[in-house]
N, C-alpha and C. Protein backbone atom coordinates (compact mmCIF):
# COMPACT_ATOMS: atom_id res chain seq x y z
N MET A 1 0.78 -1.19 -0.01
CA MET A 1 0.07 -0.01 0.10
C MET A 1 0.73 1.22 -0.10
N ILE A 2 0.51 2.26 -0.79
CA ILE A 2 1.30 3.41 -0.73
C ILE A 2 0.56 4.46 0.08
N ARG A 3 1.22 5.00 1.02
CA ARG A 3 0.61 6.08 1.84
C ARG A 3 1.10 7.39 1.52
N THR A 4 0.26 8.20 1.30
CA THR A 4 0.43 9.61 0.68
C THR A 4 -0.01 10.69 1.69
N LYS A 5 0.79 11.98 1.70
CA LYS A 5 0.62 13.12 2.36
C LYS A 5 0.26 14.06 1.49
N ASN A 6 -0.78 14.99 1.85
CA ASN A 6 -0.77 16.30 0.81
C ASN A 6 -0.23 17.39 1.58
N HIS A 7 0.58 17.97 0.91
CA HIS A 7 1.42 19.02 1.58
C HIS A 7 0.85 20.44 1.08
N GLY A 8 -0.28 20.49 0.76
CA GLY A 8 -0.97 21.80 0.29
C GLY A 8 -1.38 21.88 -1.05
N TYR A 9 -0.93 20.81 -1.81
CA TYR A 9 -1.13 20.99 -3.43
C TYR A 9 -1.80 19.63 -3.82
N GLU A 10 -2.64 19.90 -4.74
CA GLU A 10 -3.40 18.79 -5.50
C GLU A 10 -2.99 18.60 -6.87
N PHE A 11 -2.64 17.38 -7.31
CA PHE A 11 -2.34 17.06 -8.63
C PHE A 11 -3.46 17.41 -9.69
N VAL A 12 -3.13 18.23 -10.67
CA VAL A 12 -4.14 18.52 -11.76
C VAL A 12 -3.99 17.68 -12.94
N GLU A 13 -2.89 17.80 -13.44
CA GLU A 13 -2.53 16.95 -14.84
C GLU A 13 -0.97 17.08 -14.99
N PHE A 14 -0.61 16.10 -15.91
CA PHE A 14 0.76 16.03 -16.56
C PHE A 14 0.66 16.44 -18.02
N ILE A 15 1.40 17.43 -18.35
CA ILE A 15 1.27 17.91 -19.65
C ILE A 15 2.66 17.51 -20.46
N ARG A 16 2.48 16.64 -21.53
CA ARG A 16 3.57 16.17 -22.26
C ARG A 16 3.88 17.28 -23.39
N MET A 17 4.99 17.75 -23.82
CA MET A 17 5.28 18.68 -24.59
C MET A 17 6.76 18.82 -24.92
N GLN A 18 7.20 19.67 -25.84
CA GLN A 18 8.74 19.89 -26.23
C GLN A 18 9.05 21.05 -25.10
N GLU A 19 10.26 20.79 -24.85
CA GLU A 19 10.90 21.61 -23.78
C GLU A 19 10.70 23.25 -24.38
N SER A 20 10.79 23.44 -25.52
CA SER A 20 10.71 24.86 -26.16
C SER A 20 9.30 25.37 -25.94
N GLU A 21 8.25 24.55 -25.51
CA GLU A 21 6.80 25.02 -25.47
C GLU A 21 6.70 25.25 -23.80
N MET A 22 7.46 24.92 -22.87
CA MET A 22 7.26 25.35 -21.42
C MET A 22 6.96 26.81 -21.11
N ASP A 23 7.47 27.61 -22.00
CA ASP A 23 7.36 29.08 -21.50
C ASP A 23 5.87 29.60 -21.73
N ASN A 24 5.07 28.80 -22.32
CA ASN A 24 3.65 29.01 -22.57
C ASN A 24 2.77 28.76 -21.26
N TYR A 25 3.49 28.16 -20.23
CA TYR A 25 2.77 27.91 -19.09
C TYR A 25 3.23 28.73 -17.91
N SER A 26 2.65 29.45 -17.07
CA SER A 26 2.79 30.40 -16.05
C SER A 26 1.84 30.33 -14.97
N PRO A 27 2.40 30.41 -13.73
CA PRO A 27 3.83 30.63 -13.33
C PRO A 27 4.57 29.47 -13.45
N LEU A 28 5.72 29.59 -14.06
CA LEU A 28 6.73 28.25 -14.10
C LEU A 28 7.61 28.23 -12.68
N ALA A 29 7.25 27.09 -12.12
CA ALA A 29 7.73 26.89 -10.55
C ALA A 29 9.10 26.08 -10.80
N GLY A 30 9.50 25.66 -9.62
CA GLY A 30 10.81 24.85 -9.61
C GLY A 30 10.72 23.50 -10.24
N SER A 31 11.86 22.95 -10.42
CA SER A 31 11.90 21.51 -11.37
C SER A 31 12.16 20.29 -10.52
N PHE A 32 11.41 19.41 -10.93
CA PHE A 32 11.46 17.85 -10.64
C PHE A 32 12.62 17.21 -11.28
N ALA A 33 13.31 16.36 -10.54
CA ALA A 33 14.51 15.53 -11.11
C ALA A 33 14.05 13.95 -10.86
N VAL A 34 13.74 13.38 -11.80
CA VAL A 34 13.38 11.98 -11.69
C VAL A 34 14.42 11.15 -12.22
N ILE A 35 15.03 10.15 -11.24
CA ILE A 35 16.12 9.35 -11.70
C ILE A 35 15.62 7.88 -11.40
N GLU A 36 15.89 7.22 -12.66
CA GLU A 36 15.85 5.86 -12.66
C GLU A 36 16.97 4.92 -12.50
N CYS A 37 17.12 4.07 -11.44
CA CYS A 37 18.27 3.09 -11.44
C CYS A 37 17.95 1.82 -11.30
N LYS A 38 18.37 0.98 -12.12
CA LYS A 38 18.00 -0.46 -12.14
C LYS A 38 16.52 -0.85 -11.97
N GLY A 39 15.69 0.10 -12.75
CA GLY A 39 14.33 -0.29 -12.64
C GLY A 39 13.49 0.26 -11.46
N ASN A 40 14.28 0.93 -10.64
CA ASN A 40 13.55 1.63 -9.38
C ASN A 40 13.88 3.32 -9.53
N TYR A 41 13.27 4.00 -8.79
CA TYR A 41 13.08 5.44 -8.80
C TYR A 41 13.68 6.03 -7.47
N LEU A 42 14.42 7.07 -7.68
CA LEU A 42 15.14 7.67 -6.54
C LEU A 42 14.43 8.60 -5.78
N LEU A 43 14.22 8.43 -4.46
CA LEU A 43 13.40 9.30 -3.62
C LEU A 43 14.26 9.77 -2.39
N CYS A 44 14.04 11.01 -1.91
CA CYS A 44 14.81 11.53 -0.84
C CYS A 44 13.84 11.74 0.35
N TYR A 45 14.30 11.67 1.40
CA TYR A 45 13.34 11.86 2.69
C TYR A 45 13.49 13.25 3.20
N ASN A 46 12.41 14.10 2.99
CA ASN A 46 12.47 15.36 3.45
C ASN A 46 12.23 15.51 4.92
N ILE A 47 13.24 15.96 5.58
CA ILE A 47 13.22 16.10 7.04
C ILE A 47 12.16 17.01 7.48
N TRP A 48 11.96 18.04 6.86
CA TRP A 48 10.82 19.18 7.43
C TRP A 48 9.46 18.61 7.07
N ARG A 49 9.34 17.92 6.01
CA ARG A 49 7.74 17.71 5.84
C ARG A 49 7.69 16.23 6.21
N GLN A 50 8.63 15.43 6.62
CA GLN A 50 8.72 14.14 7.16
C GLN A 50 7.97 13.16 6.08
N GLN A 51 8.50 13.31 4.89
CA GLN A 51 7.92 12.38 3.77
C GLN A 51 9.03 12.09 2.76
N TRP A 52 8.71 10.91 2.09
CA TRP A 52 9.57 10.78 0.81
C TRP A 52 9.15 11.70 -0.16
N GLU A 53 10.19 12.22 -1.14
CA GLU A 53 9.77 12.98 -2.33
C GLU A 53 10.69 12.69 -3.32
N ILE A 54 10.19 13.09 -4.66
CA ILE A 54 11.14 13.32 -5.81
C ILE A 54 11.99 14.53 -5.64
N PRO A 55 13.36 14.43 -5.86
CA PRO A 55 14.39 15.54 -5.65
C PRO A 55 13.68 16.87 -6.44
N ALA A 56 13.47 17.90 -5.88
CA ALA A 56 12.88 19.02 -6.64
C ALA A 56 13.02 20.30 -5.79
N GLY A 57 12.96 21.45 -6.44
CA GLY A 57 13.16 22.78 -5.80
C GLY A 57 13.10 24.01 -6.61
N LYS A 58 13.11 24.85 -6.03
CA LYS A 58 12.82 26.45 -6.69
C LYS A 58 14.06 26.68 -7.50
N ARG A 59 13.79 27.44 -8.67
CA ARG A 59 15.02 28.02 -9.42
C ARG A 59 15.47 29.20 -8.85
N GLU A 60 16.92 29.23 -8.85
CA GLU A 60 17.65 30.68 -8.56
C GLU A 60 17.52 31.42 -9.60
N ALA A 61 17.92 32.71 -9.23
CA ALA A 61 17.82 33.93 -10.25
C ALA A 61 17.93 33.65 -11.65
N ASP A 62 19.06 33.26 -12.40
CA ASP A 62 19.01 33.17 -13.88
C ASP A 62 19.30 31.80 -14.08
N GLU A 63 18.80 30.83 -13.54
CA GLU A 63 19.01 29.34 -13.70
C GLU A 63 17.77 28.94 -14.64
N THR A 64 18.28 28.08 -15.66
CA THR A 64 17.25 27.49 -16.45
C THR A 64 16.50 26.33 -15.68
N PRO A 65 15.12 25.97 -16.18
CA PRO A 65 14.55 24.86 -15.46
C PRO A 65 15.46 23.52 -15.47
N LYS A 66 16.19 23.30 -16.29
CA LYS A 66 17.01 22.08 -16.31
C LYS A 66 18.12 22.21 -15.63
N GLU A 67 18.83 23.42 -15.36
CA GLU A 67 19.68 23.64 -14.38
C GLU A 67 19.42 23.59 -13.16
N CYS A 68 18.10 23.99 -12.74
CA CYS A 68 17.58 23.81 -11.41
C CYS A 68 17.43 22.30 -11.07
N ALA A 69 16.81 21.42 -11.96
CA ALA A 69 16.62 20.09 -11.76
C ALA A 69 18.03 19.36 -11.28
N ILE A 70 18.91 19.67 -12.12
CA ILE A 70 20.41 19.22 -11.87
C ILE A 70 20.95 19.54 -10.66
N ARG A 71 20.70 20.75 -10.24
CA ARG A 71 21.29 21.40 -8.88
C ARG A 71 20.51 20.90 -7.82
N GLU A 72 19.18 20.81 -7.87
CA GLU A 72 18.41 20.26 -6.82
C GLU A 72 18.77 18.71 -6.60
N LEU A 73 18.80 18.09 -7.59
CA LEU A 73 19.32 16.64 -7.60
C LEU A 73 20.53 16.41 -6.66
N CYS A 74 21.59 17.25 -7.05
CA CYS A 74 22.75 17.16 -6.26
C CYS A 74 22.68 17.53 -4.84
N GLU A 75 22.10 18.77 -4.69
CA GLU A 75 21.94 19.27 -3.30
C GLU A 75 21.23 18.34 -2.37
N GLU A 76 20.12 17.68 -2.67
CA GLU A 76 19.36 16.78 -2.04
C GLU A 76 19.79 15.38 -1.90
N THR A 77 20.39 14.94 -2.93
CA THR A 77 20.72 13.48 -2.83
C THR A 77 22.16 13.09 -3.15
N GLY A 78 22.99 14.28 -3.48
CA GLY A 78 24.31 13.85 -3.86
C GLY A 78 24.70 13.30 -5.28
N GLN A 79 23.71 13.20 -6.07
CA GLN A 79 23.69 12.67 -7.45
C GLN A 79 23.98 13.53 -8.54
N GLN A 80 25.15 13.37 -9.28
CA GLN A 80 25.32 14.46 -10.13
C GLN A 80 25.34 13.71 -11.60
N VAL A 81 24.53 14.47 -12.45
CA VAL A 81 24.33 14.33 -13.82
C VAL A 81 24.75 15.44 -14.84
N ASP A 82 25.13 15.18 -15.88
CA ASP A 82 25.36 16.27 -16.82
C ASP A 82 24.29 16.78 -17.88
N ASP A 83 23.30 15.78 -17.82
CA ASP A 83 22.23 16.35 -18.60
C ASP A 83 20.92 15.45 -18.22
N MET A 84 19.66 16.02 -18.52
CA MET A 84 18.42 15.33 -18.21
C MET A 84 17.50 15.50 -19.34
N GLU A 85 16.76 14.51 -19.66
CA GLU A 85 15.50 14.67 -20.37
C GLU A 85 14.41 15.38 -20.11
N PHE A 86 13.85 16.39 -20.89
CA PHE A 86 12.65 16.91 -20.37
C PHE A 86 11.41 16.01 -20.59
N LEU A 87 10.52 15.91 -19.67
CA LEU A 87 9.32 14.93 -19.60
C LEU A 87 8.10 15.81 -20.13
N GLY A 88 8.06 16.93 -19.25
CA GLY A 88 6.63 17.79 -19.55
C GLY A 88 6.46 18.60 -18.41
N ILE A 89 5.30 19.16 -18.17
CA ILE A 89 4.94 20.04 -16.94
C ILE A 89 4.00 19.36 -15.97
N LEU A 90 4.28 19.29 -14.74
CA LEU A 90 3.34 18.83 -13.72
C LEU A 90 2.57 20.11 -13.46
N LYS A 91 1.28 20.03 -13.53
CA LYS A 91 0.47 21.17 -13.10
C LYS A 91 -0.17 20.72 -11.88
N LYS A 92 -0.17 21.57 -10.79
CA LYS A 92 -0.85 21.25 -9.65
C LYS A 92 -1.47 22.63 -9.13
N LYS A 93 -2.23 22.40 -8.08
CA LYS A 93 -3.05 23.48 -7.48
C LYS A 93 -2.94 23.56 -6.08
N ARG A 94 -2.70 24.79 -5.53
CA ARG A 94 -2.59 24.91 -4.02
C ARG A 94 -4.17 25.02 -3.39
N VAL A 95 -4.12 24.02 -2.56
CA VAL A 95 -5.60 23.77 -2.16
C VAL A 95 -6.12 24.96 -1.40
N SER A 96 -5.30 25.70 -0.61
CA SER A 96 -5.62 26.92 0.18
C SER A 96 -6.40 28.01 -0.60
N ASN A 97 -5.77 28.33 -1.74
CA ASN A 97 -6.28 29.51 -2.73
C ASN A 97 -6.54 29.33 -4.15
N GLN A 98 -6.54 27.87 -4.44
CA GLN A 98 -6.67 27.40 -5.83
C GLN A 98 -5.87 27.96 -7.04
N THR A 99 -4.64 28.57 -6.48
CA THR A 99 -3.61 29.05 -7.70
C THR A 99 -3.02 27.83 -8.15
N MET A 100 -2.58 28.07 -9.54
CA MET A 100 -1.88 26.85 -10.32
C MET A 100 -0.32 27.16 -10.23
N LYS A 101 0.30 25.88 -10.21
CA LYS A 101 1.87 26.03 -10.47
C LYS A 101 2.07 24.94 -11.43
N HIS A 102 3.08 25.44 -12.23
CA HIS A 102 3.67 24.42 -13.44
C HIS A 102 5.12 23.99 -13.16
N ASN A 103 5.31 22.80 -12.77
CA ASN A 103 6.68 22.33 -12.39
C ASN A 103 7.05 21.64 -13.63
N PRO A 104 8.38 22.12 -14.28
CA PRO A 104 8.98 21.23 -15.33
C PRO A 104 9.58 19.99 -14.47
N ALA A 105 9.34 18.74 -15.40
CA ALA A 105 9.83 17.54 -14.86
C ALA A 105 10.79 16.95 -15.89
N TYR A 106 12.15 16.53 -15.30
CA TYR A 106 13.15 15.95 -15.95
C TYR A 106 13.51 14.64 -15.53
N PHE A 107 13.99 13.80 -16.63
CA PHE A 107 14.48 12.42 -16.18
C PHE A 107 15.80 11.97 -16.69
N LYS A 108 16.42 11.15 -15.91
CA LYS A 108 17.65 10.38 -16.35
C LYS A 108 17.77 9.13 -15.67
N LYS A 109 18.27 8.29 -16.58
CA LYS A 109 18.45 6.79 -16.12
C LYS A 109 19.89 6.76 -15.81
N VAL A 110 20.34 6.22 -14.61
CA VAL A 110 21.68 5.95 -14.34
C VAL A 110 21.94 4.31 -13.83
N ASP A 111 23.25 4.08 -14.05
CA ASP A 111 23.58 2.69 -13.85
C ASP A 111 23.71 2.42 -12.18
N GLU A 112 24.15 3.59 -11.62
CA GLU A 112 24.42 3.40 -9.93
C GLU A 112 24.34 4.59 -9.40
N LEU A 113 24.13 4.69 -8.09
CA LEU A 113 23.96 5.98 -7.28
C LEU A 113 25.31 6.11 -6.86
N LYS A 114 25.50 7.43 -6.57
CA LYS A 114 26.76 7.98 -5.89
C LYS A 114 26.35 8.10 -4.55
N PRO A 115 27.54 7.99 -3.62
CA PRO A 115 27.41 8.18 -2.17
C PRO A 115 26.36 9.30 -1.74
N PHE A 116 25.59 9.07 -0.52
CA PHE A 116 24.88 10.09 -0.22
C PHE A 116 25.24 10.66 1.18
N ARG A 117 25.27 11.81 1.34
CA ARG A 117 25.44 12.53 2.78
C ARG A 117 24.30 13.22 3.28
N GLU A 118 23.84 13.01 4.43
CA GLU A 118 22.82 13.73 5.12
C GLU A 118 23.07 15.14 4.99
N ASN A 119 22.04 15.89 4.85
CA ASN A 119 22.05 17.49 4.69
C ASN A 119 20.94 18.16 5.36
N ASP A 120 20.85 19.53 5.27
CA ASP A 120 19.92 20.20 6.04
C ASP A 120 18.43 19.90 5.66
N GLU A 121 18.11 19.35 4.46
CA GLU A 121 16.76 19.26 3.93
C GLU A 121 16.51 17.53 3.96
N THR A 122 17.62 16.94 3.68
CA THR A 122 17.33 15.18 3.36
C THR A 122 18.24 14.35 4.38
N SER A 123 17.56 13.51 4.98
CA SER A 123 18.28 12.69 5.93
C SER A 123 18.59 11.26 5.28
N LYS A 124 17.90 10.79 4.09
CA LYS A 124 18.31 9.66 3.44
C LYS A 124 17.59 9.61 2.26
N ILE A 125 18.13 8.53 1.24
CA ILE A 125 17.42 8.38 -0.04
C ILE A 125 17.34 6.84 -0.13
N LEU A 126 16.50 6.57 -1.15
CA LEU A 126 16.38 5.26 -1.43
C LEU A 126 15.91 5.05 -2.91
N LEU A 127 16.04 3.80 -3.33
CA LEU A 127 15.41 3.42 -4.64
C LEU A 127 14.23 2.66 -4.58
N TRP A 128 12.94 3.19 -5.19
CA TRP A 128 11.83 2.84 -4.87
C TRP A 128 11.22 2.00 -6.03
N ASP A 129 10.41 0.82 -5.81
CA ASP A 129 10.05 0.14 -6.60
C ASP A 129 8.66 0.43 -7.28
N LEU A 130 8.05 1.40 -6.71
CA LEU A 130 6.72 1.93 -6.93
C LEU A 130 5.56 1.24 -6.15
N ASN A 131 5.94 0.17 -5.40
CA ASN A 131 4.95 -0.60 -4.78
C ASN A 131 5.44 -0.85 -3.31
N GLU A 132 6.47 -0.91 -2.80
CA GLU A 132 6.83 -1.18 -1.49
C GLU A 132 6.21 -0.14 -0.52
N ASP A 133 5.86 -0.53 0.50
CA ASP A 133 5.50 0.62 1.39
C ASP A 133 6.76 1.12 2.15
N ILE A 134 6.88 2.41 1.96
CA ILE A 134 8.13 2.87 2.43
C ILE A 134 7.84 4.00 3.50
N GLY A 135 6.54 4.15 3.89
CA GLY A 135 6.00 5.18 4.56
C GLY A 135 5.44 6.36 3.78
N TYR A 136 5.17 7.70 4.21
CA TYR A 136 4.49 8.73 3.40
C TYR A 136 5.46 9.14 2.29
N ILE A 137 4.71 9.29 1.27
CA ILE A 137 5.23 10.02 0.17
C ILE A 137 4.33 11.12 -0.40
N ASP A 138 4.71 12.09 -0.94
CA ASP A 138 3.99 13.34 -1.34
C ASP A 138 3.09 12.97 -2.41
N GLU A 139 1.78 13.08 -2.22
CA GLU A 139 0.62 12.66 -3.08
C GLU A 139 0.79 13.07 -4.64
N VAL A 140 1.28 14.40 -4.70
CA VAL A 140 1.49 15.00 -6.05
C VAL A 140 2.78 14.32 -6.61
N ASP A 141 3.79 14.15 -5.96
CA ASP A 141 5.04 13.46 -6.42
C ASP A 141 4.78 11.93 -6.89
N VAL A 142 3.97 11.19 -6.24
CA VAL A 142 3.69 9.75 -6.61
C VAL A 142 2.85 9.82 -8.01
N LYS A 143 2.24 10.67 -8.21
CA LYS A 143 1.39 10.93 -9.63
C LYS A 143 2.53 10.91 -10.79
N VAL A 144 3.59 11.50 -10.59
CA VAL A 144 4.53 11.90 -11.64
C VAL A 144 5.08 10.47 -12.14
N PHE A 145 5.11 9.42 -11.45
CA PHE A 145 5.54 8.20 -11.81
C PHE A 145 4.47 7.59 -12.75
N ASP A 146 3.37 8.08 -12.99
CA ASP A 146 2.36 7.57 -13.98
C ASP A 146 2.75 8.06 -15.37
N TYR A 147 3.62 8.99 -15.30
CA TYR A 147 3.78 9.50 -16.88
C TYR A 147 5.32 9.42 -17.19
N ILE A 148 5.90 8.55 -16.74
CA ILE A 148 7.25 8.17 -16.96
C ILE A 148 7.36 7.28 -18.15
């Protein structure tokens, strides 16, 4: 059984498109970094929210969405990649005020994981088979795996 937590957002849809089309979606929020390794998917345990999540986060000043995904992946999990494939836009709605967010989602398949060091945001990482009960996972994040 997959147990989910709602962290204030509801999944609306996943929009497949070319990377060049993402500027048509506003506001464009932080990027997701989906990593597959040996048929399983990388998750990190968010200390603040007490749940498993796909590595993701806000863009910095003049960072592209892809650069954001690569940086957040490294900061949260210690995994370093040179490039990622654009999957599409994850559209979600803030429950409190119904505003929409559009998160670019990127993907990379790797052969093995690099060592992990606990940090201010993440206490551990794991490779998830999409079925095992691992505790709570963000309910929006778990929907992303339906579109990989």
